[in-house]
Amino acid sequence: MEESKRYKRMVKQSMGKKKNNKEGHGSRSGSGLLRMKVRKLQILIPGGKRCNHPNLLLSKTVDYIFYLKLKLRLLKALSY
């Protein structure tokens, strides 16, 4: 649980920082690439298709990674 809180804190900190919005060559293709990656992530994460806000999707992603790590640890422990 502590690991999940740490990732959420990191995501909040990174989202709070202001970035320079530079318009120019390639700015539209970058946003299209980002949208494509978000769609792929929505498919991979259970319940991701219902997430229409990037922060919520990132939070669900962190929780899912944490869940998978716990499941892996449990399976390793059971195999001994």
N, C-alpha and C. Protein backbone atom coordinates (compact mmCIF):
# COMPACT_ATOMS: atom_id res chain seq x y z
N MET A 1 0.82 -1.20 0.00
CA MET A 1 0.00 0.00 0.00
C MET A 1 0.86 1.26 0.00
N GLU A 2 1.98 1.20 0.73
CA GLU A 2 2.89 2.34 0.81
C GLU A 2 3.44 2.68 -0.57
N GLU A 3 3.74 1.65 -1.37
CA GLU A 3 4.28 1.86 -2.71
C GLU A 3 3.27 2.58 -3.59
N SER A 4 2.00 2.22 -3.48
CA SER A 4 0.95 2.85 -4.27
C SER A 4 0.81 4.33 -3.91
N LYS A 5 0.90 4.64 -2.63
CA LYS A 5 0.80 6.04 -2.19
C LYS A 5 1.96 6.85 -2.75
N ARG A 6 3.15 6.24 -2.77
CA ARG A 6 4.32 6.93 -3.27
C ARG A 6 4.15 7.26 -4.75
N TYR A 7 3.65 6.31 -5.54
CA TYR A 7 3.45 6.56 -6.97
C TYR A 7 2.40 7.64 -7.18
N LYS A 8 1.32 7.61 -6.39
CA LYS A 8 0.28 8.62 -6.53
C LYS A 8 0.85 10.01 -6.22
N ARG A 9 1.70 10.09 -5.20
CA ARG A 9 2.32 11.36 -4.84
C ARG A 9 3.20 11.85 -5.98
N MET A 10 3.95 10.93 -6.60
CA MET A 10 4.82 11.31 -7.71
C MET A 10 4.00 11.82 -8.89
N VAL A 11 2.88 11.16 -9.16
CA VAL A 11 2.02 11.58 -10.27
C VAL A 11 1.46 12.96 -9.99
N LYS A 12 1.00 13.20 -8.77
CA LYS A 12 0.46 14.52 -8.42
C LYS A 12 1.51 15.60 -8.57
N GLN A 13 2.73 15.31 -8.14
CA GLN A 13 3.80 16.30 -8.24
C GLN A 13 4.13 16.59 -9.70
N SER A 14 4.17 15.57 -10.52
CA SER A 14 4.51 15.79 -11.93
C SER A 14 3.39 16.52 -12.67
N MET A 15 2.14 16.29 -12.27
CA MET A 15 1.02 16.96 -12.92
C MET A 15 0.93 18.42 -12.48
N GLY A 16 1.45 18.73 -11.30
CA GLY A 16 1.39 20.09 -10.78
C GLY A 16 2.38 21.03 -11.43
N LYS A 17 3.44 20.49 -11.99
CA LYS A 17 4.47 21.32 -12.62
C LYS A 17 3.96 21.89 -13.94
N LYS A 18 4.23 23.15 -14.14
CA LYS A 18 3.82 23.77 -15.40
C LYS A 18 4.87 23.52 -16.45
N LYS A 19 4.41 23.20 -17.62
CA LYS A 19 5.32 22.95 -18.74
C LYS A 19 5.14 24.06 -19.76
N ASN A 20 6.20 24.35 -20.47
CA ASN A 20 6.12 25.34 -21.53
C ASN A 20 5.37 24.75 -22.70
N ASN A 21 4.34 25.43 -23.12
CA ASN A 21 3.59 24.99 -24.29
C ASN A 21 4.18 25.66 -25.51
N LYS A 22 4.95 24.92 -26.24
CA LYS A 22 5.58 25.45 -27.45
C LYS A 22 4.79 24.96 -28.65
N GLU A 23 4.27 25.89 -29.38
CA GLU A 23 3.56 25.51 -30.59
C GLU A 23 4.53 25.59 -31.75
N GLY A 24 4.36 24.69 -32.65
CA GLY A 24 5.26 24.70 -33.79
C GLY A 24 5.25 23.36 -34.46
N HIS A 25 6.34 23.05 -35.09
CA HIS A 25 6.46 21.82 -35.86
C HIS A 25 6.32 20.59 -34.97
N GLY A 26 5.39 19.71 -35.30
CA GLY A 26 5.26 18.45 -34.60
C GLY A 26 4.38 18.48 -33.37
N SER A 27 3.81 19.61 -33.01
CA SER A 27 3.01 19.65 -31.79
C SER A 27 1.72 18.84 -31.93
N ARG A 28 1.13 18.83 -33.10
CA ARG A 28 -0.10 18.07 -33.28
C ARG A 28 0.16 16.57 -33.33
N SER A 29 1.23 16.17 -33.98
CA SER A 29 1.53 14.74 -34.06
C SER A 29 1.87 14.18 -32.69
N GLY A 30 2.48 14.99 -31.83
CA GLY A 30 2.79 14.56 -30.47
C GLY A 30 1.54 14.31 -29.67
N SER A 31 0.54 15.18 -29.80
CA SER A 31 -0.70 14.99 -29.06
C SER A 31 -1.47 13.79 -29.60
N GLY A 32 -1.38 13.54 -30.89
CA GLY A 32 -2.03 12.36 -31.47
C GLY A 32 -1.38 11.09 -30.98
N LEU A 33 -0.06 11.11 -30.85
CA LEU A 33 0.68 9.97 -30.33
C LEU A 33 0.31 9.72 -28.88
N LEU A 34 0.17 10.79 -28.12
CA LEU A 34 -0.22 10.67 -26.71
C LEU A 34 -1.61 10.06 -26.59
N ARG A 35 -2.54 10.53 -27.41
CA ARG A 35 -3.91 9.99 -27.38
C ARG A 35 -3.91 8.50 -27.71
N MET A 36 -3.08 8.10 -28.66
CA MET A 36 -3.01 6.69 -29.04
C MET A 36 -2.47 5.86 -27.88
N LYS A 37 -1.46 6.37 -27.18
CA LYS A 37 -0.90 5.65 -26.05
C LYS A 37 -1.90 5.56 -24.90
N VAL A 38 -2.67 6.62 -24.69
CA VAL A 38 -3.70 6.61 -23.64
C VAL A 38 -4.75 5.56 -23.97
N ARG A 39 -5.16 5.48 -25.23
CA ARG A 39 -6.15 4.47 -25.62
C ARG A 39 -5.63 3.06 -25.39
N LYS A 40 -4.36 2.82 -25.72
CA LYS A 40 -3.77 1.50 -25.49
C LYS A 40 -3.73 1.17 -24.00
N LEU A 41 -3.41 2.17 -23.19
CA LEU A 41 -3.38 1.98 -21.75
C LEU A 41 -4.78 1.69 -21.21
N GLN A 42 -5.78 2.37 -21.76
CA GLN A 42 -7.16 2.13 -21.34
C GLN A 42 -7.58 0.69 -21.62
N ILE A 43 -7.06 0.11 -22.68
CA ILE A 43 -7.39 -1.28 -23.01
C ILE A 43 -6.71 -2.24 -22.05
N LEU A 44 -5.47 -1.94 -21.67
CA LEU A 44 -4.70 -2.84 -20.81
C LEU A 44 -5.17 -2.85 -19.36
N ILE A 45 -5.61 -1.71 -18.85
CA ILE A 45 -5.97 -1.58 -17.44
C ILE A 45 -7.43 -1.94 -17.25
N PRO A 46 -7.74 -2.85 -16.31
CA PRO A 46 -9.14 -3.18 -16.04
C PRO A 46 -9.90 -1.94 -15.57
N GLY A 47 -11.01 -1.66 -16.22
CA GLY A 47 -11.80 -0.48 -15.90
C GLY A 47 -11.25 0.79 -16.52
N GLY A 48 -10.25 0.67 -17.36
CA GLY A 48 -9.62 1.84 -17.97
C GLY A 48 -10.48 2.54 -18.99
N LYS A 49 -11.36 1.82 -19.63
CA LYS A 49 -12.21 2.44 -20.64
C LYS A 49 -13.21 3.41 -20.03
N ARG A 50 -13.50 3.22 -18.73
CA ARG A 50 -14.42 4.14 -18.05
C ARG A 50 -13.72 5.39 -17.56
N CYS A 51 -12.39 5.40 -17.61
CA CYS A 51 -11.61 6.55 -17.13
C CYS A 51 -11.50 7.57 -18.25
N ASN A 52 -12.15 8.70 -18.07
CA ASN A 52 -12.06 9.72 -19.11
C ASN A 52 -11.15 10.87 -18.70
N HIS A 53 -10.55 10.78 -17.52
CA HIS A 53 -9.62 11.80 -17.06
C HIS A 53 -8.23 11.18 -16.90
N PRO A 54 -7.20 11.81 -17.44
CA PRO A 54 -5.85 11.22 -17.38
C PRO A 54 -5.37 10.91 -15.96
N ASN A 55 -5.68 11.77 -15.00
CA ASN A 55 -5.23 11.52 -13.62
C ASN A 55 -5.85 10.25 -13.06
N LEU A 56 -7.12 10.03 -13.37
CA LEU A 56 -7.80 8.82 -12.90
C LEU A 56 -7.20 7.59 -13.56
N LEU A 57 -6.89 7.68 -14.84
CA LEU A 57 -6.28 6.56 -15.55
C LEU A 57 -4.90 6.24 -14.98
N LEU A 58 -4.11 7.26 -14.69
CA LEU A 58 -2.79 7.03 -14.09
C LEU A 58 -2.91 6.40 -12.71
N SER A 59 -3.88 6.86 -11.95
CA SER A 59 -4.09 6.30 -10.62
C SER A 59 -4.47 4.83 -10.70
N LYS A 60 -5.39 4.49 -11.63
CA LYS A 60 -5.78 3.10 -11.82
C LYS A 60 -4.60 2.25 -12.30
N THR A 61 -3.75 2.83 -13.13
CA THR A 61 -2.57 2.13 -13.63
C THR A 61 -1.62 1.80 -12.49
N VAL A 62 -1.38 2.77 -11.61
CA VAL A 62 -0.50 2.55 -10.46
C VAL A 62 -1.08 1.47 -9.56
N ASP A 63 -2.38 1.53 -9.31
CA ASP A 63 -3.02 0.51 -8.47
C ASP A 63 -2.92 -0.87 -9.09
N TYR A 64 -3.08 -0.95 -10.41
CA TYR A 64 -3.03 -2.24 -11.09
C TYR A 64 -1.61 -2.82 -11.06
N ILE A 65 -0.62 -1.97 -11.24
CA ILE A 65 0.78 -2.44 -11.16
C ILE A 65 1.06 -2.96 -9.76
N PHE A 66 0.61 -2.24 -8.76
CA PHE A 66 0.79 -2.66 -7.37
C PHE A 66 0.10 -4.01 -7.13
N TYR A 67 -1.12 -4.17 -7.66
CA TYR A 67 -1.86 -5.43 -7.54
C TYR A 67 -1.09 -6.58 -8.20
N LEU A 68 -0.55 -6.33 -9.39
CA LEU A 68 0.19 -7.37 -10.09
C LEU A 68 1.46 -7.78 -9.34
N LYS A 69 2.14 -6.80 -8.74
CA LYS A 69 3.33 -7.11 -7.95
C LYS A 69 2.97 -7.97 -6.75
N LEU A 70 1.87 -7.64 -6.08
CA LEU A 70 1.43 -8.44 -4.93
C LEU A 70 1.06 -9.86 -5.35
N LYS A 71 0.37 -9.97 -6.48
CA LYS A 71 -0.04 -11.28 -6.98
C LYS A 71 1.19 -12.12 -7.33
N LEU A 72 2.19 -11.51 -7.93
CA LEU A 72 3.43 -12.21 -8.26
C LEU A 72 4.13 -12.69 -7.00
N ARG A 73 4.18 -11.83 -5.99
CA ARG A 73 4.82 -12.21 -4.72
C ARG A 73 4.08 -13.38 -4.07
N LEU A 74 2.76 -13.35 -4.12
CA LEU A 74 1.94 -14.43 -3.56
C LEU A 74 2.19 -15.74 -4.31
N LEU A 75 2.21 -15.69 -5.63
CA LEU A 75 2.42 -16.89 -6.41
C LEU A 75 3.82 -17.49 -6.18
N LYS A 76 4.81 -16.59 -6.04
CA LYS A 76 6.16 -17.07 -5.73
C LYS A 76 6.19 -17.75 -4.38
N ALA A 77 5.50 -17.17 -3.41
CA ALA A 77 5.48 -17.75 -2.06
C ALA A 77 4.76 -19.11 -2.05
N LEU A 78 3.73 -19.25 -2.84
CA LEU A 78 2.98 -20.50 -2.91
C LEU A 78 3.74 -21.60 -3.64
N SER A 79 4.65 -21.20 -4.51
CA SER A 79 5.37 -22.21 -5.29
C SER A 79 6.48 -22.89 -4.51
N TYR A 80 6.85 -22.36 -3.36
CA TYR A 80 7.92 -22.97 -2.55
C TYR A 80 7.40 -24.07 -1.68
